[in-house]
PDB file of N, CA and C in Angstrom:
ATOM      1  N   MET A   1     -17.263   2.662 -13.461  1.00  0.00           N
ATOM      2  CA  MET A   1     -15.999   2.158 -12.937  1.00  0.00           C
ATOM      3  C   MET A   1     -15.387   3.169 -11.958  1.00  0.00           C
ATOM      4  N   LYS A   2     -15.629   4.446 -12.209  1.00  0.00           N
ATOM      5  CA  LYS A   2     -15.085   5.458 -11.306  1.00  0.00           C
ATOM      6  C   LYS A   2     -15.654   5.293  -9.899  1.00  0.00           C
ATOM      7  N   ALA A   3     -16.933   4.936  -9.838  1.00  0.00           N
ATOM      8  CA  ALA A   3     -17.566   4.771  -8.523  1.00  0.00           C
ATOM      9  C   ALA A   3     -16.889   3.643  -7.744  1.00  0.00           C
ATOM     10  N   SER A   4     -16.684   2.511  -8.384  1.00  0.00           N
ATOM     11  CA  SER A   4     -16.059   1.373  -7.703  1.00  0.00           C
ATOM     12  C   SER A   4     -14.610   1.695  -7.357  1.00  0.00           C
ATOM     13  N   HIS A   5     -13.944   2.451  -8.224  1.00  0.00           N
ATOM     14  CA  HIS A   5     -12.550   2.806  -7.979  1.00  0.00           C
ATOM     15  C   HIS A   5     -12.451   3.684  -6.731  1.00  0.00           C
ATOM     16  N   LEU A   6     -13.343   4.663  -6.626  1.00  0.00           N
ATOM     17  CA  LEU A   6     -13.340   5.542  -5.458  1.00  0.00           C
ATOM     18  C   LEU A   6     -13.695   4.767  -4.199  1.00  0.00           C
ATOM     19  N   TYR A   7     -14.620   3.845  -4.339  1.00  0.00           N
ATOM     20  CA  TYR A   7     -15.051   3.059  -3.177  1.00  0.00           C
ATOM     21  C   TYR A   7     -13.910   2.190  -2.651  1.00  0.00           C
ATOM     22  N   SER A   8     -13.218   1.525  -3.548  1.00  0.00           N
ATOM     23  CA  SER A   8     -12.130   0.634  -3.140  1.00  0.00           C
ATOM     24  C   SER A   8     -10.912   1.430  -2.686  1.00  0.00           C
ATOM     25  N   TYR A   9     -10.842   2.673  -3.061  1.00  0.00           N
ATOM     26  CA  TYR A   9      -9.684   3.504  -2.688  1.00  0.00           C
ATOM     27  C   TYR A   9      -9.949   4.254  -1.386  1.00  0.00           C
ATOM     28  N   SER A  10     -11.205   4.522  -1.098  1.00  0.00           N
ATOM     29  CA  SER A  10     -11.553   5.295   0.094  1.00  0.00           C
ATOM     30  C   SER A  10     -11.285   4.509   1.366  1.00  0.00           C
ATOM     31  N   ALA A  11     -11.727   3.265   1.409  1.00  0.00           N
ATOM     32  CA  ALA A  11     -11.557   2.452   2.613  1.00  0.00           C
ATOM     33  C   ALA A  11     -10.090   2.081   2.867  1.00  0.00           C
ATOM     34  N   PRO A  12      -9.380   1.511   1.881  1.00  0.00           N
ATOM     35  CA  PRO A  12      -7.981   1.118   2.102  1.00  0.00           C
ATOM     36  C   PRO A  12      -7.091   2.298   2.475  1.00  0.00           C
ATOM     37  N   GLN A  13      -7.490   3.504   2.102  1.00  0.00           N
ATOM     38  CA  GLN A  13      -6.664   4.670   2.399  1.00  0.00           C
ATOM     39  C   GLN A  13      -6.394   4.766   3.900  1.00  0.00           C
ATOM     40  N   LYS A  14      -7.428   4.532   4.698  1.00  0.00           N
ATOM     41  CA  LYS A  14      -7.268   4.586   6.152  1.00  0.00           C
ATOM     42  C   LYS A  14      -6.340   3.473   6.637  1.00  0.00           C
ATOM     43  N   VAL A  15      -6.475   2.305   6.029  1.00  0.00           N
ATOM     44  CA  VAL A  15      -5.646   1.166   6.428  1.00  0.00           C
ATOM     45  C   VAL A  15      -4.181   1.453   6.144  1.00  0.00           C
ATOM     46  N   SER A  16      -3.899   1.937   4.929  1.00  0.00           N
ATOM     47  CA  SER A  16      -2.511   2.193   4.550  1.00  0.00           C
ATOM     48  C   SER A  16      -1.900   3.287   5.428  1.00  0.00           C
ATOM     49  N   GLN A  17      -2.705   4.254   5.830  1.00  0.00           N
ATOM     50  CA  GLN A  17      -2.193   5.336   6.662  1.00  0.00           C
ATOM     51  C   GLN A  17      -1.746   4.826   8.027  1.00  0.00           C
ATOM     52  N   SER A  18      -2.450   3.846   8.568  1.00  0.00           N
ATOM     53  CA  SER A  18      -2.106   3.328   9.892  1.00  0.00           C
ATOM     54  C   SER A  18      -1.055   2.220   9.795  1.00  0.00           C
ATOM     55  N   VAL A  19      -1.057   1.473   8.693  1.00  0.00           N
ATOM     56  CA  VAL A  19      -0.122   0.355   8.540  1.00  0.00           C
ATOM     57  C   VAL A  19       1.263   0.839   8.119  1.00  0.00           C
ATOM     58  N   VAL A  20       1.308   1.723   7.136  1.00  0.00           N
ATOM     59  CA  VAL A  20       2.594   2.196   6.610  1.00  0.00           C
ATOM     60  C   VAL A  20       3.472   2.819   7.702  1.00  0.00           C
ATOM     61  N   PRO A  21       2.960   3.769   8.486  1.00  0.00           N
ATOM     62  CA  PRO A  21       3.779   4.347   9.556  1.00  0.00           C
ATOM     63  C   PRO A  21       4.269   3.285  10.535  1.00  0.00           C
ATOM     64  N   LEU A  22       3.427   2.307  10.831  1.00  0.00           N
ATOM     65  CA  LEU A  22       3.810   1.226  11.739  1.00  0.00           C
ATOM     66  C   LEU A  22       4.971   0.437  11.161  1.00  0.00           C
ATOM     67  N   LEU A  23       4.869   0.116   9.870  1.00  0.00           N
ATOM     68  CA  LEU A  23       5.930  -0.653   9.226  1.00  0.00           C
ATOM     69  C   LEU A  23       7.231   0.150   9.225  1.00  0.00           C
ATOM     70  N   TYR A  24       7.129   1.431   8.945  1.00  0.00           N
ATOM     71  CA  TYR A  24       8.319   2.276   8.894  1.00  0.00           C
ATOM     72  C   TYR A  24       8.945   2.425  10.275  1.00  0.00           C
ATOM     73  N   SER A  25       8.108   2.575  11.297  1.00  0.00           N
ATOM     74  CA  SER A  25       8.628   2.735  12.654  1.00  0.00           C
ATOM     75  C   SER A  25       9.224   1.432  13.166  1.00  0.00           C
ATOM     76  N   THR A  26       8.749   0.308  12.620  1.00  0.00           N
ATOM     77  CA  THR A  26       9.249  -0.989  13.072  1.00  0.00           C
ATOM     78  C   THR A  26      10.501  -1.394  12.304  1.00  0.00           C
ATOM     79  N   GLU A  27      10.436  -1.294  10.984  1.00  0.00           N
ATOM     80  CA  GLU A  27      11.563  -1.730  10.157  1.00  0.00           C
ATOM     81  C   GLU A  27      12.434  -0.555   9.718  1.00  0.00           C
ATOM     82  N   VAL A  28      12.089   0.641  10.147  1.00  0.00           N
ATOM     83  CA  VAL A  28      12.818   1.843   9.744  1.00  0.00           C
ATOM     84  C   VAL A  28      12.823   1.961   8.219  1.00  0.00           C
ATOM     85  N   GLY A  29      11.763   1.459   7.602  1.00  0.00           N
ATOM     86  CA  GLY A  29      11.629   1.555   6.143  1.00  0.00           C
ATOM     87  C   GLY A  29      12.817   0.983   5.405  1.00  0.00           C
ATOM     88  N   GLN A  30      13.264  -0.211   5.776  1.00  0.00           N
ATOM     89  CA  GLN A  30      14.390  -0.842   5.074  1.00  0.00           C
ATOM     90  C   GLN A  30      14.068  -0.972   3.597  1.00  0.00           C
ATOM     91  N   SER A  31      12.969  -1.647   3.297  1.00  0.00           N
ATOM     92  CA  SER A  31      12.528  -1.776   1.913  1.00  0.00           C
ATOM     93  C   SER A  31      11.043  -2.087   1.887  1.00  0.00           C
ATOM     94  N   ASP A  32      10.332  -1.517   0.922  1.00  0.00           N
ATOM     95  CA  ASP A  32       8.880  -1.632   0.901  1.00  0.00           C
ATOM     96  C   ASP A  32       8.417  -3.031   0.500  1.00  0.00           C
ATOM     97  N   VAL A  33       9.114  -3.648  -0.430  1.00  0.00           N
ATOM     98  CA  VAL A  33       8.668  -4.947  -0.941  1.00  0.00           C
ATOM     99  C   VAL A  33       8.601  -6.010   0.154  1.00  0.00           C
ATOM    100  N   PRO A  34       9.687  -6.219   0.927  1.00  0.00           N
ATOM    101  CA  PRO A  34       9.622  -7.195   2.008  1.00  0.00           C
ATOM    102  C   PRO A  34       8.518  -6.862   3.010  1.00  0.00           C
ATOM    103  N   LEU A  35       8.291  -5.576   3.253  1.00  0.00           N
ATOM    104  CA  LEU A  35       7.245  -5.175   4.177  1.00  0.00           C
ATOM    105  C   LEU A  35       5.882  -5.609   3.655  1.00  0.00           C
ATOM    106  N   LEU A  36       5.670  -5.471   2.358  1.00  0.00           N
ATOM    107  CA  LEU A  36       4.400  -5.882   1.765  1.00  0.00           C
ATOM    108  C   LEU A  36       4.191  -7.377   1.961  1.00  0.00           C
ATOM    109  N   HIS A  37       5.260  -8.134   1.780  1.00  0.00           N
ATOM    110  CA  HIS A  37       5.157  -9.583   1.946  1.00  0.00           C
ATOM    111  C   HIS A  37       4.947  -9.948   3.407  1.00  0.00           C
ATOM    112  N   SER A  38       5.511  -9.146   4.309  1.00  0.00           N
ATOM    113  CA  SER A  38       5.380  -9.445   5.731  1.00  0.00           C
ATOM    114  C   SER A  38       3.935  -9.277   6.200  1.00  0.00           C
ATOM    115  N   THR A  39       3.152  -8.522   5.431  1.00  0.00           N
ATOM    116  CA  THR A  39       1.751  -8.339   5.795  1.00  0.00           C
ATOM    117  C   THR A  39       0.897  -9.458   5.196  1.00  0.00           C
ATOM    118  N   GLU A  40       1.561 -10.559   4.803  1.00  0.00           N
ATOM    119  CA  GLU A  40       0.878 -11.707   4.211  1.00  0.00           C
ATOM    120  C   GLU A  40       0.184 -11.309   2.912  1.00  0.00           C
ATOM    121  N   ASN A  41       0.715 -10.290   2.266  1.00  0.00           N
ATOM    122  CA  ASN A  41       0.190  -9.761   1.008  1.00  0.00           C
ATOM    123  C   ASN A  41      -1.311  -9.966   0.858  1.00  0.00           C
ATOM    124  N   GLN A  42      -2.054  -9.545   1.851  1.00  0.00           N
ATOM    125  CA  GLN A  42      -3.515  -9.685   1.778  1.00  0.00           C
ATOM    126  C   GLN A  42      -4.203  -8.321   1.811  1.00  0.00           C
ATOM    127  N   SER A  43      -3.561  -7.321   2.399  1.00  0.00           N
ATOM    128  CA  SER A  43      -4.198  -6.009   2.490  1.00  0.00           C
ATOM    129  C   SER A  43      -3.498  -4.990   1.598  1.00  0.00           C
ATOM    130  N   VAL A  44      -2.172  -5.096   1.486  1.00  0.00           N
ATOM    131  CA  VAL A  44      -1.430  -4.098   0.727  1.00  0.00           C
ATOM    132  C   VAL A  44      -1.275  -4.492  -0.733  1.00  0.00           C
ATOM    133  N   VAL A  45      -0.853  -5.730  -0.968  1.00  0.00           N
ATOM    134  CA  VAL A  45      -0.621  -6.182  -2.337  1.00  0.00           C
ATOM    135  C   VAL A  45      -1.883  -6.078  -3.198  1.00  0.00           C
ATOM    136  N   PRO A  46      -3.027  -6.614  -2.717  1.00  0.00           N
ATOM    137  CA  PRO A  46      -4.252  -6.467  -3.496  1.00  0.00           C
ATOM    138  C   PRO A  46      -4.595  -4.995  -3.734  1.00  0.00           C
ATOM    139  N   LEU A  47      -4.219  -4.146  -2.799  1.00  0.00           N
ATOM    140  CA  LEU A  47      -4.472  -2.714  -2.934  1.00  0.00           C
ATOM    141  C   LEU A  47      -3.721  -2.171  -4.144  1.00  0.00           C
ATOM    142  N   LEU A  48      -2.485  -2.604  -4.324  1.00  0.00           N
ATOM    143  CA  LEU A  48      -1.689  -2.140  -5.456  1.00  0.00           C
ATOM    144  C   LEU A  48      -2.379  -2.513  -6.771  1.00  0.00           C
ATOM    145  N   HIS A  49      -2.918  -3.724  -6.821  1.00  0.00           N
ATOM    146  CA  HIS A  49      -3.581  -4.178  -8.046  1.00  0.00           C
ATOM    147  C   HIS A  49      -4.900  -3.427  -8.263  1.00  0.00           C
ATOM    148  N   SER A  50      -5.601  -3.115  -7.183  1.00  0.00           N
ATOM    149  CA  SER A  50      -6.884  -2.437  -7.317  1.00  0.00           C
ATOM    150  C   SER A  50      -6.685  -1.005  -7.807  1.00  0.00           C
ATOM    151  N   THR A  51      -5.509  -0.441  -7.549  1.00  0.00           N
ATOM    152  CA  THR A  51      -5.234   0.924  -7.994  1.00  0.00           C
ATOM    153  C   THR A  51      -4.539   0.901  -9.352  1.00  0.00           C
ATOM    154  N   GLU A  52      -4.688  -0.206 -10.059  1.00  0.00           N
ATOM    155  CA  GLU A  52      -4.075  -0.371 -11.381  1.00  0.00           C
ATOM    156  C   GLU A  52      -2.562  -0.273 -11.280  1.00  0.00           C
ATOM    157  N   ARG A  53      -2.016  -0.507 -10.082  1.00  0.00           N
ATOM    158  CA  ARG A  53      -0.576  -0.438  -9.808  1.00  0.00           C
ATOM    159  C   ARG A  53       0.109   0.651 -10.609  1.00  0.00           C
ATOM    160  N   GLN A  54      -0.493   1.837 -10.583  1.00  0.00           N
ATOM    161  CA  GLN A  54       0.103   2.971 -11.304  1.00  0.00           C
ATOM    162  C   GLN A  54       0.353   4.154 -10.368  1.00  0.00           C
ATOM    163  N   SER A  55      -0.349   4.183  -9.239  1.00  0.00           N
ATOM    164  CA  SER A  55      -0.174   5.304  -8.318  1.00  0.00           C
ATOM    165  C   SER A  55       0.687   4.919  -7.118  1.00  0.00           C
ATOM    166  N   LEU A  56       0.553   3.662  -6.637  1.00  0.00           N
ATOM    167  CA  LEU A  56       1.306   3.235  -5.455  1.00  0.00           C
ATOM    168  C   LEU A  56       2.667   2.670  -5.831  1.00  0.00           C
ATOM    169  N   VAL A  57       2.717   1.915  -6.919  1.00  0.00           N
ATOM    170  CA  VAL A  57       3.980   1.294  -7.323  1.00  0.00           C
ATOM    171  C   VAL A  57       5.071   2.345  -7.554  1.00  0.00           C
ATOM    172  N   PRO A  58       4.826   3.380  -8.358  1.00  0.00           N
ATOM    173  CA  PRO A  58       5.830   4.427  -8.536  1.00  0.00           C
ATOM    174  C   PRO A  58       6.162   5.110  -7.216  1.00  0.00           C
ATOM    175  N   LEU A  59       5.191   5.202  -6.326  1.00  0.00           N
ATOM    176  CA  LEU A  59       5.407   5.810  -5.021  1.00  0.00           C
ATOM    177  C   LEU A  59       6.451   5.033  -4.235  1.00  0.00           C
ATOM    178  N   LEU A  60       6.337   3.708  -4.245  1.00  0.00           N
ATOM    179  CA  LEU A  60       7.294   2.871  -3.523  1.00  0.00           C
ATOM    180  C   LEU A  60       8.701   3.109  -4.053  1.00  0.00           C
ATOM    181  N   HIS A  61       8.830   3.224  -5.359  1.00  0.00           N
ATOM    182  CA  HIS A  61      10.141   3.443  -5.964  1.00  0.00           C
ATOM    183  C   HIS A  61      10.680   4.828  -5.612  1.00  0.00           C
ATOM    184  N   SER A  62       9.804   5.791  -5.527  1.00  0.00           N
ATOM    185  CA  SER A  62      10.235   7.155  -5.241  1.00  0.00           C
ATOM    186  C   SER A  62      10.624   7.322  -3.778  1.00  0.00           C
ATOM    187  N   THR A  63      10.127   6.426  -2.912  1.00  0.00           N
ATOM    188  CA  THR A  63      10.455   6.517  -1.494  1.00  0.00           C
ATOM    189  C   THR A  63      11.755   5.777  -1.184  1.00  0.00           C
ATOM    190  N   GLU A  64      12.322   5.115  -2.165  1.00  0.00           N
ATOM    191  CA  GLU A  64      13.607   4.442  -1.949  1.00  0.00           C
ATOM    192  C   GLU A  64      14.677   5.497  -1.704  1.00  0.00           C
TER     193      GLU A  64
END
């Protein structure tokens, strides 16, 4: 399971790095939840679930 976890985390990492700054520069980081929905919850939302929503979810709350 560790192998699949690393694999699914390695690729999306690049996506989140390029998408998150874009969202913040566009919406000035008003709120993370609406931003996730604005991405048609296809790239970010599934990412949260794949990471067992334990590393990214608390992050969103801490960035408030």
